[in-house]
């Protein structure tokens, strides 16, 4: 397997790991054996799931877990992983947990780069639309101001002014959508 596999007993102590888990975390397998799996998590709230009391309750519920989590490598590096875990049972009784951690840091970096490229393209497209749109809006505004139009001519020019404003609003909304939001 290319994903890290961790097997824990009912106390939450690591019993077995595969080579991918060792490579992912930077520990030697013997450094992990018998230690609490909680040491692997980079965020305190995630490590708390593997506290002995909470861990036993999780096993009793026979819960299956799938979530995004953060491993802390031996070096201290935080590694985003897609985590899935299942309760191991023998004769209907929970005997431990097997967890699979897939490193998603490359995927996230690619997603981030793709998002930046889309944002850059959106800003460029919006700029290219805004320039001629501004000229059309200004020209329509000047014609409305300077010409004595009535009837159908006035109605058509007002439609041009209103529709160019609507397009301008759409471009602004597009830019707002494309800009990275401040995290909350």
Protein backbone atom coordinates (compact mmCIF):
# COMPACT_ATOMS: atom_id res chain seq x y z
CA UNK A 1 0.00 0.00 0.00
CA UNK A 2 1.13 3.53 -0.66
CA UNK A 3 -1.02 4.83 2.24
CA UNK A 4 0.12 4.66 5.84
CA UNK A 5 -1.61 1.91 7.86
CA UNK A 6 -1.69 2.04 11.66
CA UNK A 7 -3.10 -0.77 13.82
CA UNK A 8 -3.91 0.01 17.47
CA UNK A 9 -5.05 -2.11 20.39
CA UNK A 10 -8.06 -1.29 22.59
CA UNK A 11 -5.87 1.03 24.67
CA UNK A 12 -4.94 3.09 21.61
CA UNK A 13 -1.36 1.82 21.54
CA UNK A 14 0.24 1.19 18.19
CA UNK A 15 0.68 -2.52 17.46
CA UNK A 16 1.64 -2.43 13.80
CA UNK A 17 2.49 -0.01 11.01
CA UNK A 18 3.37 -0.51 7.37
CA UNK A 19 6.38 0.97 5.57
CA UNK A 20 4.27 3.78 4.10
CA UNK A 21 3.27 4.85 7.65
CA UNK A 22 6.93 4.85 8.68
CA UNK A 23 7.88 6.91 5.62
CA UNK A 24 5.00 9.32 6.19
CA UNK A 25 5.76 9.99 9.86
CA UNK A 26 9.54 9.78 9.84
CA UNK A 27 9.65 7.41 12.82
CA UNK A 28 11.21 3.97 12.78
CA UNK A 29 8.58 1.27 13.32
CA UNK A 30 10.15 0.24 16.65
CA UNK A 31 9.82 3.87 17.87
CA UNK A 32 6.07 3.66 17.34
CA UNK A 33 5.32 0.20 18.75
CA UNK A 34 3.50 0.36 22.08
CA UNK A 35 3.13 4.15 22.03
CA UNK A 36 -0.20 5.93 22.02
CA UNK A 37 -1.44 6.74 18.54
CA UNK A 38 -2.27 10.21 19.94
CA UNK A 39 1.40 11.20 19.49
CA UNK A 40 0.87 11.22 15.73
CA UNK A 41 -1.72 13.98 15.59
CA UNK A 42 -0.68 17.56 14.98
CA UNK A 43 -3.76 19.21 16.47
CA UNK A 44 -4.74 18.77 20.15
CA UNK A 45 -8.42 18.25 19.36
CA UNK A 46 -7.50 15.41 17.01
CA UNK A 47 -5.14 13.82 19.51
CA UNK A 48 -7.97 13.98 22.08
CA UNK A 49 -9.95 11.44 20.04
CA UNK A 50 -7.28 8.91 20.92
CA UNK A 51 -7.29 9.58 24.66
CA UNK A 52 -7.84 6.13 26.30
CA UNK A 53 -11.33 6.86 27.69
CA UNK A 54 -12.61 8.51 24.53
CA UNK A 55 -10.93 5.89 22.36
CA UNK A 56 -12.64 3.03 24.20
CA UNK A 57 -16.04 4.71 23.74
CA UNK A 58 -15.28 5.10 20.04
CA UNK A 59 -14.47 1.39 19.82
CA UNK A 60 -17.65 0.40 21.70
CA UNK A 61 -19.77 2.39 19.25
CA UNK A 62 -18.00 0.56 16.45
CA UNK A 63 -17.70 3.90 14.74
CA UNK A 64 -16.17 4.21 11.32
CA UNK A 65 -14.29 7.44 10.88
CA UNK A 66 -13.42 9.25 7.69
CA UNK A 67 -12.07 12.78 7.94
CA UNK A 68 -9.34 15.22 7.06
CA UNK A 69 -6.73 15.27 9.80
CA UNK A 70 -3.19 16.46 10.41
CA UNK A 71 -0.33 14.15 11.33
CA UNK A 72 2.75 15.46 13.10
CA UNK A 73 5.91 13.85 11.76
CA UNK A 74 8.86 13.12 14.01
CA UNK A 75 10.49 16.24 12.57
CA UNK A 76 7.54 18.33 13.74
CA UNK A 77 6.25 18.86 10.21
CA UNK A 78 2.46 18.92 9.95
CA UNK A 79 1.14 16.64 7.20
CA UNK A 80 -2.46 16.88 5.99
CA UNK A 81 -3.96 13.42 5.55
CA UNK A 82 -7.24 11.85 4.55
CA UNK A 83 -7.88 9.52 7.49
CA UNK A 84 -10.20 6.55 7.59
CA UNK A 85 -10.45 4.12 10.46
CA UNK A 86 -12.40 0.99 11.24
CA UNK A 87 -12.86 -0.97 14.43
CA UNK A 88 -11.27 -4.42 14.45
CA UNK A 89 -13.43 -7.12 16.00
CA UNK A 90 -12.92 -10.69 17.13
CA UNK A 91 -16.05 -12.70 18.00
CA UNK A 92 -18.09 -9.48 17.97
CA UNK A 93 -15.85 -7.68 20.49
CA UNK A 94 -13.69 -4.69 19.58
CA UNK A 95 -10.00 -5.53 19.73
CA UNK A 96 -8.53 -2.40 18.24
CA UNK A 97 -8.58 -0.06 15.33
CA UNK A 98 -7.01 0.03 11.90
CA UNK A 99 -6.43 3.46 10.44
CA UNK A 100 -5.31 4.46 6.98
CA UNK A 101 -3.66 7.84 6.38
CA UNK A 102 -3.26 9.13 2.83
CA UNK A 103 -0.95 12.12 2.40
CA UNK A 104 -2.93 14.86 0.65
CA UNK A 105 -0.29 17.61 0.80
CA UNK A 106 0.55 17.28 -2.91
CA UNK A 107 -3.14 17.31 -3.85
CA UNK A 108 -3.74 20.40 -1.71
CA UNK A 109 -0.74 22.19 -3.19
CA UNK A 110 -1.98 21.42 -6.71
CA UNK A 111 -5.49 22.61 -5.79
CA UNK A 112 -4.02 25.80 -4.37
CA UNK A 113 -1.95 26.41 -7.51
CA UNK A 114 -4.98 25.72 -9.69
CA UNK A 115 -7.08 28.14 -7.63
CA UNK A 116 -4.42 30.86 -7.96
CA UNK A 117 -4.32 30.31 -11.73
CA UNK A 118 -8.12 30.56 -11.98
CA UNK A 119 -8.10 33.71 -9.83
CA UNK A 120 -5.42 35.27 -12.02
CA UNK A 121 -7.32 34.35 -15.18
CA UNK A 122 -10.57 35.72 -13.71
CA UNK A 123 -8.89 39.03 -12.87
CA UNK A 124 -7.44 39.23 -16.39
CA UNK A 125 -10.76 38.44 -18.07
CA UNK A 126 -12.60 40.92 -15.85
CA UNK A 127 -10.04 43.60 -16.71
CA UNK A 128 -10.43 42.91 -20.43
CA UNK A 129 -14.23 43.14 -20.13
CA UNK A 130 -14.18 46.24 -17.94
CA UNK A 131 -12.18 48.40 -20.37
CA UNK A 132 -14.54 48.26 -23.36
CA UNK A 133 -17.55 48.14 -21.05
CA UNK A 134 -16.44 51.38 -19.38
CA UNK A 135 -16.11 53.04 -22.80
CA UNK A 136 -19.64 51.88 -23.73
CA UNK A 137 -21.07 53.08 -20.41
CA UNK A 138 -19.38 56.48 -20.68
CA UNK A 139 -20.48 56.93 -24.29
CA UNK A 140 -24.08 55.99 -23.48
CA UNK A 141 -24.06 58.36 -20.50
CA UNK A 142 -22.72 61.23 -22.60
CA UNK A 143 -25.28 60.59 -25.33
CA UNK A 144 -28.09 60.54 -22.76
CA UNK A 145 -26.80 63.80 -21.29
CA UNK A 146 -26.05 65.67 -24.51
CA UNK A 147 -28.74 64.54 -26.93
CA UNK A 148 -32.38 65.45 -26.80
CA UNK A 149 -33.77 62.03 -27.45
CA UNK A 150 -37.31 60.87 -27.05
CA UNK A 151 -39.46 57.91 -27.87
CA UNK A 152 -37.83 54.76 -29.13
CA UNK A 153 -34.33 56.32 -29.43
CA UNK A 154 -34.33 57.34 -25.76
CA UNK A 155 -35.70 53.93 -24.71
CA UNK A 156 -32.98 52.08 -26.66
CA UNK A 157 -30.17 54.22 -25.23
CA UNK A 158 -31.53 53.75 -21.70
CA UNK A 159 -31.56 49.99 -22.33
CA UNK A 160 -27.90 50.16 -23.41
CA UNK A 161 -27.01 52.14 -20.25
CA UNK A 162 -28.97 49.79 -17.96
CA UNK A 163 -27.63 46.58 -19.53
CA UNK A 164 -24.02 47.74 -19.48
CA UNK A 165 -24.48 48.55 -15.78
CA UNK A 166 -25.90 45.07 -15.24
CA UNK A 167 -22.87 43.52 -17.00
CA UNK A 168 -20.58 45.71 -14.88
CA UNK A 169 -22.28 44.41 -11.72
CA UNK A 170 -21.87 40.82 -12.93
CA UNK A 171 -18.15 41.40 -13.60
CA UNK A 172 -17.77 42.87 -10.10
CA UNK A 173 -19.52 39.84 -8.55
CA UNK A 174 -17.26 37.58 -10.60
CA UNK A 175 -14.20 39.38 -9.26
CA UNK A 176 -15.49 39.11 -5.69
CA UNK A 177 -16.01 35.38 -6.19
CA UNK A 178 -12.54 34.92 -7.70
CA UNK A 179 -10.69 36.82 -4.95
CA UNK A 180 -9.44 34.65 -2.13
CA UNK A 181 -11.57 35.20 0.96
CA UNK A 182 -10.03 35.97 4.31
CA UNK A 183 -10.35 32.90 6.53
CA UNK A 184 -12.85 33.18 9.37
